[in-house]
């Protein structure tokens, strides 16, 4: 199986309940506010922390290699009433029609400022 295809079907259904870490919006909010938007979250999954940044008024798009995760992220955005573009593409072959001032990957070891 291609690693980009791992997050599909039942894995996507269980992802939110079984993931080993959560992604707090704080560090990413600070990063995008410091470096400017629009921003791109690479590996956006089901929308954490992407949707929190959008809800805070930042212009952030997402990209993920899993078509099922992209659909889940779009559904989560719709439920929250958040506007964002989410693209289904592999990181190693990005072809987006927009330039970004800030680009970030989610990292499970990122902690809110002052908590290292």
N, C-alpha and C. Protein backbone atom coordinates (compact mmCIF):
# COMPACT_ATOMS: atom_id res chain seq x y z
N UNK A 1 0.84 -1.18 0.00
CA UNK A 1 0.00 0.00 0.00
C UNK A 1 0.88 1.24 0.00
N UNK A 2 0.53 2.18 -0.84
CA UNK A 2 1.21 3.47 -0.85
C UNK A 2 0.88 4.19 0.46
N UNK A 3 1.88 4.70 1.19
CA UNK A 3 1.61 5.39 2.45
C UNK A 3 0.59 6.52 2.32
N UNK A 4 0.52 7.17 1.18
CA UNK A 4 -0.45 8.26 0.98
C UNK A 4 -1.88 7.75 1.00
N UNK A 5 -2.06 6.45 0.81
CA UNK A 5 -3.40 5.87 0.79
C UNK A 5 -3.82 5.24 2.11
N UNK A 6 -2.98 5.29 3.12
CA UNK A 6 -3.29 4.65 4.39
C UNK A 6 -4.54 5.21 5.03
N UNK A 7 -4.68 6.53 5.06
CA UNK A 7 -5.82 7.16 5.71
C UNK A 7 -7.02 7.14 4.78
N UNK A 8 -7.73 6.02 4.80
CA UNK A 8 -8.92 5.87 3.98
C UNK A 8 -9.89 4.93 4.70
N UNK A 9 -11.13 4.95 4.27
CA UNK A 9 -12.13 4.04 4.80
C UNK A 9 -12.27 4.08 6.30
N UNK A 10 -12.16 2.91 6.93
CA UNK A 10 -12.38 2.77 8.37
C UNK A 10 -11.33 3.54 9.18
N UNK A 11 -10.13 3.69 8.65
CA UNK A 11 -9.08 4.44 9.36
C UNK A 11 -9.53 5.89 9.55
N UNK A 12 -10.13 6.48 8.54
CA UNK A 12 -10.62 7.86 8.65
C UNK A 12 -11.75 7.94 9.66
N UNK A 13 -12.63 6.94 9.65
CA UNK A 13 -13.74 6.93 10.60
C UNK A 13 -13.26 6.88 12.05
N UNK A 14 -12.18 6.17 12.29
CA UNK A 14 -11.66 6.01 13.65
C UNK A 14 -10.63 7.07 14.03
N UNK A 15 -10.12 7.82 13.08
CA UNK A 15 -9.00 8.73 13.29
C UNK A 15 -9.21 9.68 14.47
N UNK A 16 -10.31 10.41 14.49
CA UNK A 16 -10.53 11.42 15.54
C UNK A 16 -10.56 10.81 16.93
N UNK A 17 -11.07 9.60 17.05
CA UNK A 17 -11.17 8.95 18.35
C UNK A 17 -9.89 8.26 18.79
N UNK A 18 -9.07 7.85 17.84
CA UNK A 18 -7.91 7.03 18.18
C UNK A 18 -6.56 7.71 18.04
N UNK A 19 -6.51 8.92 17.50
CA UNK A 19 -5.20 9.55 17.31
C UNK A 19 -4.51 9.77 18.65
N UNK A 20 -3.20 9.68 18.62
CA UNK A 20 -2.41 9.71 19.85
C UNK A 20 -2.14 11.11 20.37
N UNK A 21 -2.38 12.13 19.56
CA UNK A 21 -2.13 13.50 20.02
C UNK A 21 -3.13 14.44 19.37
N UNK A 22 -3.28 15.59 19.99
CA UNK A 22 -4.11 16.63 19.41
C UNK A 22 -3.21 17.80 19.06
N UNK A 23 -3.67 18.63 18.16
CA UNK A 23 -2.87 19.76 17.70
C UNK A 23 -3.52 21.04 18.17
N UNK A 24 -2.92 21.65 19.18
CA UNK A 24 -3.43 22.90 19.72
C UNK A 24 -3.18 24.02 18.72
N UNK A 25 -4.13 24.91 18.57
CA UNK A 25 -4.03 25.98 17.58
C UNK A 25 -3.02 27.05 17.94
N UNK A 26 -2.73 27.24 19.22
CA UNK A 26 -1.89 28.35 19.68
C UNK A 26 -0.59 28.57 18.92
N UNK A 27 0.28 27.59 18.84
CA UNK A 27 1.56 27.80 18.15
C UNK A 27 1.38 28.14 16.67
N UNK A 28 0.38 27.55 16.04
CA UNK A 28 0.15 27.79 14.62
C UNK A 28 -0.47 29.17 14.40
N UNK A 29 -1.37 29.58 15.31
CA UNK A 29 -1.91 30.95 15.25
C UNK A 29 -0.79 31.97 15.32
N UNK A 30 0.11 31.77 16.28
CA UNK A 30 1.24 32.69 16.45
C UNK A 30 2.11 32.71 15.20
N UNK A 31 2.40 31.55 14.65
CA UNK A 31 3.25 31.46 13.46
C UNK A 31 2.63 32.21 12.29
N UNK A 32 1.36 31.97 12.01
CA UNK A 32 0.72 32.62 10.87
C UNK A 32 0.56 34.12 11.10
N UNK A 33 0.22 34.50 12.32
CA UNK A 33 0.11 35.94 12.61
C UNK A 33 1.46 36.64 12.47
N UNK A 34 2.53 35.95 12.82
CA UNK A 34 3.87 36.54 12.72
C UNK A 34 4.33 36.63 11.27
N UNK A 35 4.10 35.59 10.49
CA UNK A 35 4.64 35.51 9.13
C UNK A 35 3.65 35.88 8.04
N UNK A 36 2.39 36.03 8.40
CA UNK A 36 1.39 36.50 7.46
C UNK A 36 0.67 35.40 6.70
N UNK A 37 -0.40 35.81 6.09
CA UNK A 37 -1.22 34.90 5.30
C UNK A 37 -1.24 35.36 3.86
N UNK A 38 -1.81 34.59 3.02
CA UNK A 38 -2.47 33.34 3.34
C UNK A 38 -1.47 32.27 3.76
N UNK A 39 -2.01 31.27 4.49
CA UNK A 39 -1.17 30.18 4.98
C UNK A 39 -1.67 28.86 4.43
N UNK A 40 -0.78 27.87 4.45
CA UNK A 40 -1.11 26.52 4.00
C UNK A 40 -0.71 25.53 5.09
N UNK A 41 -1.66 24.69 5.49
CA UNK A 41 -1.36 23.61 6.42
C UNK A 41 -1.18 22.33 5.61
N UNK A 42 0.00 21.76 5.67
CA UNK A 42 0.32 20.54 4.95
C UNK A 42 0.01 19.35 5.86
N UNK A 43 -0.74 18.40 5.33
CA UNK A 43 -1.16 17.25 6.14
C UNK A 43 -2.29 17.64 7.07
N UNK A 44 -3.27 18.34 6.54
CA UNK A 44 -4.34 18.93 7.37
C UNK A 44 -5.29 17.90 7.96
N UNK A 45 -5.27 16.67 7.48
CA UNK A 45 -6.13 15.65 8.07
C UNK A 45 -7.58 16.06 8.13
N UNK A 46 -8.20 15.91 9.30
CA UNK A 46 -9.61 16.23 9.43
C UNK A 46 -9.87 17.68 9.85
N UNK A 47 -8.78 18.48 9.90
CA UNK A 47 -8.96 19.92 10.12
C UNK A 47 -8.44 20.47 11.42
N UNK A 48 -7.63 19.72 12.14
CA UNK A 48 -7.08 20.20 13.40
C UNK A 48 -5.61 20.50 13.22
N UNK A 49 -5.15 21.70 13.38
CA UNK A 49 -5.77 22.90 13.90
C UNK A 49 -6.28 23.86 12.82
N UNK A 50 -6.24 23.46 11.57
CA UNK A 50 -6.63 24.31 10.44
C UNK A 50 -7.93 25.07 10.68
N UNK A 51 -8.96 24.37 11.08
CA UNK A 51 -10.27 25.00 11.21
C UNK A 51 -10.31 26.01 12.36
N UNK A 52 -9.52 25.76 13.42
CA UNK A 52 -9.44 26.74 14.51
C UNK A 52 -8.81 28.04 14.03
N UNK A 53 -7.79 27.94 13.18
CA UNK A 53 -7.15 29.14 12.64
C UNK A 53 -8.12 29.92 11.77
N UNK A 54 -8.87 29.20 10.93
CA UNK A 54 -9.86 29.86 10.07
C UNK A 54 -10.94 30.52 10.92
N UNK A 55 -11.38 29.83 11.97
CA UNK A 55 -12.41 30.39 12.86
C UNK A 55 -11.90 31.63 13.58
N UNK A 56 -10.58 31.73 13.75
CA UNK A 56 -9.98 32.91 14.39
C UNK A 56 -9.79 34.06 13.41
N UNK A 57 -10.23 33.86 12.17
CA UNK A 57 -10.17 34.94 11.19
C UNK A 57 -8.96 34.91 10.27
N UNK A 58 -8.14 33.87 10.34
CA UNK A 58 -6.99 33.79 9.47
C UNK A 58 -7.36 33.09 8.17
N UNK A 59 -6.66 33.44 7.12
CA UNK A 59 -6.89 32.82 5.80
C UNK A 59 -5.90 31.67 5.66
N UNK A 60 -6.41 30.44 5.83
CA UNK A 60 -5.57 29.26 5.81
C UNK A 60 -6.24 28.20 4.95
N UNK A 61 -5.48 27.61 4.04
CA UNK A 61 -5.92 26.49 3.23
C UNK A 61 -5.25 25.23 3.75
N UNK A 62 -5.75 24.08 3.33
CA UNK A 62 -5.16 22.81 3.74
C UNK A 62 -4.91 21.91 2.56
N UNK A 63 -3.98 21.00 2.73
CA UNK A 63 -3.70 19.97 1.71
C UNK A 63 -3.40 18.67 2.43
N UNK A 64 -3.91 17.57 1.86
CA UNK A 64 -3.66 16.25 2.44
C UNK A 64 -3.62 15.24 1.31
N UNK A 65 -2.85 14.18 1.50
CA UNK A 65 -2.72 13.15 0.46
C UNK A 65 -3.88 12.16 0.48
N UNK A 66 -4.70 12.18 1.51
CA UNK A 66 -5.82 11.26 1.63
C UNK A 66 -7.12 11.92 1.15
N UNK A 67 -7.72 11.37 0.11
CA UNK A 67 -8.98 11.91 -0.39
C UNK A 67 -10.07 11.83 0.69
N UNK A 68 -10.08 10.74 1.47
CA UNK A 68 -11.09 10.59 2.51
C UNK A 68 -10.91 11.62 3.62
N UNK A 69 -9.65 11.90 3.98
CA UNK A 69 -9.41 12.92 5.01
C UNK A 69 -9.78 14.31 4.50
N UNK A 70 -9.51 14.58 3.24
CA UNK A 70 -9.90 15.87 2.65
C UNK A 70 -11.42 16.04 2.74
N UNK A 71 -12.15 14.99 2.40
CA UNK A 71 -13.62 15.07 2.49
C UNK A 71 -14.07 15.26 3.93
N UNK A 72 -13.40 14.58 4.88
CA UNK A 72 -13.75 14.75 6.29
C UNK A 72 -13.46 16.18 6.75
N UNK A 73 -12.35 16.74 6.31
CA UNK A 73 -12.00 18.11 6.67
C UNK A 73 -13.04 19.08 6.11
N UNK A 74 -13.42 18.89 4.86
CA UNK A 74 -14.44 19.75 4.25
C UNK A 74 -15.76 19.65 5.00
N UNK A 75 -16.14 18.44 5.39
CA UNK A 75 -17.38 18.24 6.15
C UNK A 75 -17.30 18.92 7.52
N UNK A 76 -16.15 18.80 8.19
CA UNK A 76 -15.96 19.47 9.48
C UNK A 76 -16.02 20.98 9.34
N UNK A 77 -15.45 21.50 8.25
CA UNK A 77 -15.51 22.94 8.00
C UNK A 77 -16.95 23.39 7.80
N UNK A 78 -17.70 22.63 7.04
CA UNK A 78 -19.11 22.97 6.79
C UNK A 78 -19.91 22.95 8.09
N UNK A 79 -19.67 21.94 8.94
CA UNK A 79 -20.37 21.86 10.23
C UNK A 79 -20.09 23.07 11.10
N UNK A 80 -18.86 23.56 11.02
CA UNK A 80 -18.46 24.71 11.85
C UNK A 80 -18.76 26.05 11.17
N UNK A 81 -19.18 26.02 9.92
CA UNK A 81 -19.43 27.26 9.19
C UNK A 81 -18.17 28.01 8.86
N UNK A 82 -17.09 27.28 8.63
CA UNK A 82 -15.77 27.86 8.37
C UNK A 82 -15.47 27.75 6.88
N UNK A 83 -14.99 28.83 6.31
CA UNK A 83 -14.62 28.84 4.89
C UNK A 83 -13.13 28.59 4.74
N UNK A 84 -12.78 27.58 3.95
CA UNK A 84 -11.39 27.28 3.65
C UNK A 84 -11.35 26.42 2.40
N UNK A 85 -10.22 26.43 1.73
CA UNK A 85 -10.01 25.52 0.60
C UNK A 85 -9.14 24.38 1.09
N UNK A 86 -9.54 23.15 0.75
CA UNK A 86 -8.78 21.98 1.13
C UNK A 86 -8.52 21.18 -0.14
N UNK A 87 -7.25 20.87 -0.38
CA UNK A 87 -6.84 20.23 -1.62
C UNK A 87 -6.37 18.80 -1.38
N UNK A 88 -6.68 17.92 -2.32
CA UNK A 88 -6.22 16.54 -2.28
C UNK A 88 -5.00 16.44 -3.19
N UNK A 89 -3.82 16.48 -2.57
CA UNK A 89 -2.57 16.36 -3.32
C UNK A 89 -1.50 15.79 -2.41
N UNK A 90 -0.53 15.16 -3.02
CA UNK A 90 0.63 14.69 -2.28
C UNK A 90 1.61 15.85 -2.10
N UNK A 91 2.28 15.85 -0.98
CA UNK A 91 3.24 16.92 -0.69
C UNK A 91 4.37 16.94 -1.70
N UNK A 92 4.80 15.79 -2.15
CA UNK A 92 5.93 15.73 -3.06
C UNK A 92 5.55 16.11 -4.49
N UNK A 93 4.29 16.44 -4.72
CA UNK A 93 3.85 16.82 -6.07
C UNK A 93 2.84 17.97 -6.03
N UNK A 94 3.06 18.92 -5.12
CA UNK A 94 2.12 20.03 -4.99
C UNK A 94 2.07 20.88 -6.24
N UNK A 95 0.87 21.17 -6.66
CA UNK A 95 0.63 22.10 -7.76
C UNK A 95 -0.59 22.93 -7.40
N UNK A 96 -0.35 23.97 -6.61
CA UNK A 96 -1.43 24.84 -6.17
C UNK A 96 -1.38 26.14 -6.95
N UNK A 97 -2.54 26.71 -7.19
CA UNK A 97 -2.63 27.93 -7.99
C UNK A 97 -2.55 29.18 -7.13
N UNK A 98 -1.84 29.10 -6.03
CA UNK A 98 -1.76 30.21 -5.10
C UNK A 98 -0.41 30.18 -4.41
N UNK A 99 0.07 31.35 -4.02
CA UNK A 99 1.30 31.45 -3.25
C UNK A 99 0.94 31.70 -1.80
N UNK A 100 1.77 31.20 -0.89
CA UNK A 100 1.49 31.30 0.54
C UNK A 100 2.64 31.99 1.26
N UNK A 101 2.29 32.88 2.18
CA UNK A 101 3.30 33.54 3.01
C UNK A 101 3.78 32.64 4.13
N UNK A 102 2.91 31.76 4.60
CA UNK A 102 3.24 30.83 5.68
C UNK A 102 2.82 29.43 5.28
N UNK A 103 3.71 28.49 5.49
CA UNK A 103 3.41 27.08 5.22
C UNK A 103 3.90 26.30 6.43
N UNK A 104 3.04 25.43 6.95
CA UNK A 104 3.46 24.65 8.11
C UNK A 104 2.92 23.23 8.03
N UNK A 105 3.63 22.33 8.70
CA UNK A 105 3.24 20.94 8.89
C UNK A 105 2.80 20.80 10.34
N UNK A 106 1.81 19.99 10.60
CA UNK A 106 1.45 19.68 11.98
C UNK A 106 2.57 18.85 12.58
N UNK A 107 2.87 19.12 13.84
CA UNK A 107 3.89 18.34 14.55
C UNK A 107 3.36 18.03 15.93
N UNK A 108 3.39 16.77 16.31
CA UNK A 108 2.86 16.39 17.62
C UNK A 108 3.73 16.87 18.77
N UNK A 109 4.97 17.27 18.49
CA UNK A 109 5.84 17.75 19.56
C UNK A 109 5.79 19.26 19.75
N UNK A 110 4.95 19.96 18.98
CA UNK A 110 4.81 21.41 19.14
C UNK A 110 3.89 21.65 20.32
N UNK A 111 4.32 22.51 21.23
CA UNK A 111 3.53 22.84 22.40
C UNK A 111 3.26 24.33 22.39
N UNK A 112 2.22 24.77 23.07
CA UNK A 112 1.96 26.20 23.16
C UNK A 112 3.17 26.93 23.73
N UNK A 113 3.34 28.18 23.31
CA UNK A 113 4.49 28.99 23.74
C UNK A 113 4.59 28.97 25.27
N UNK A 114 5.81 28.86 25.74
CA UNK A 114 6.05 28.90 27.17
C UNK A 114 5.85 27.57 27.89
N UNK A 115 5.56 26.49 27.16
CA UNK A 115 5.27 25.20 27.81
C UNK A 115 6.25 24.13 27.39
N UNK A 116 7.45 24.47 27.03
CA UNK A 116 8.45 23.46 26.61
C UNK A 116 9.17 22.89 27.80
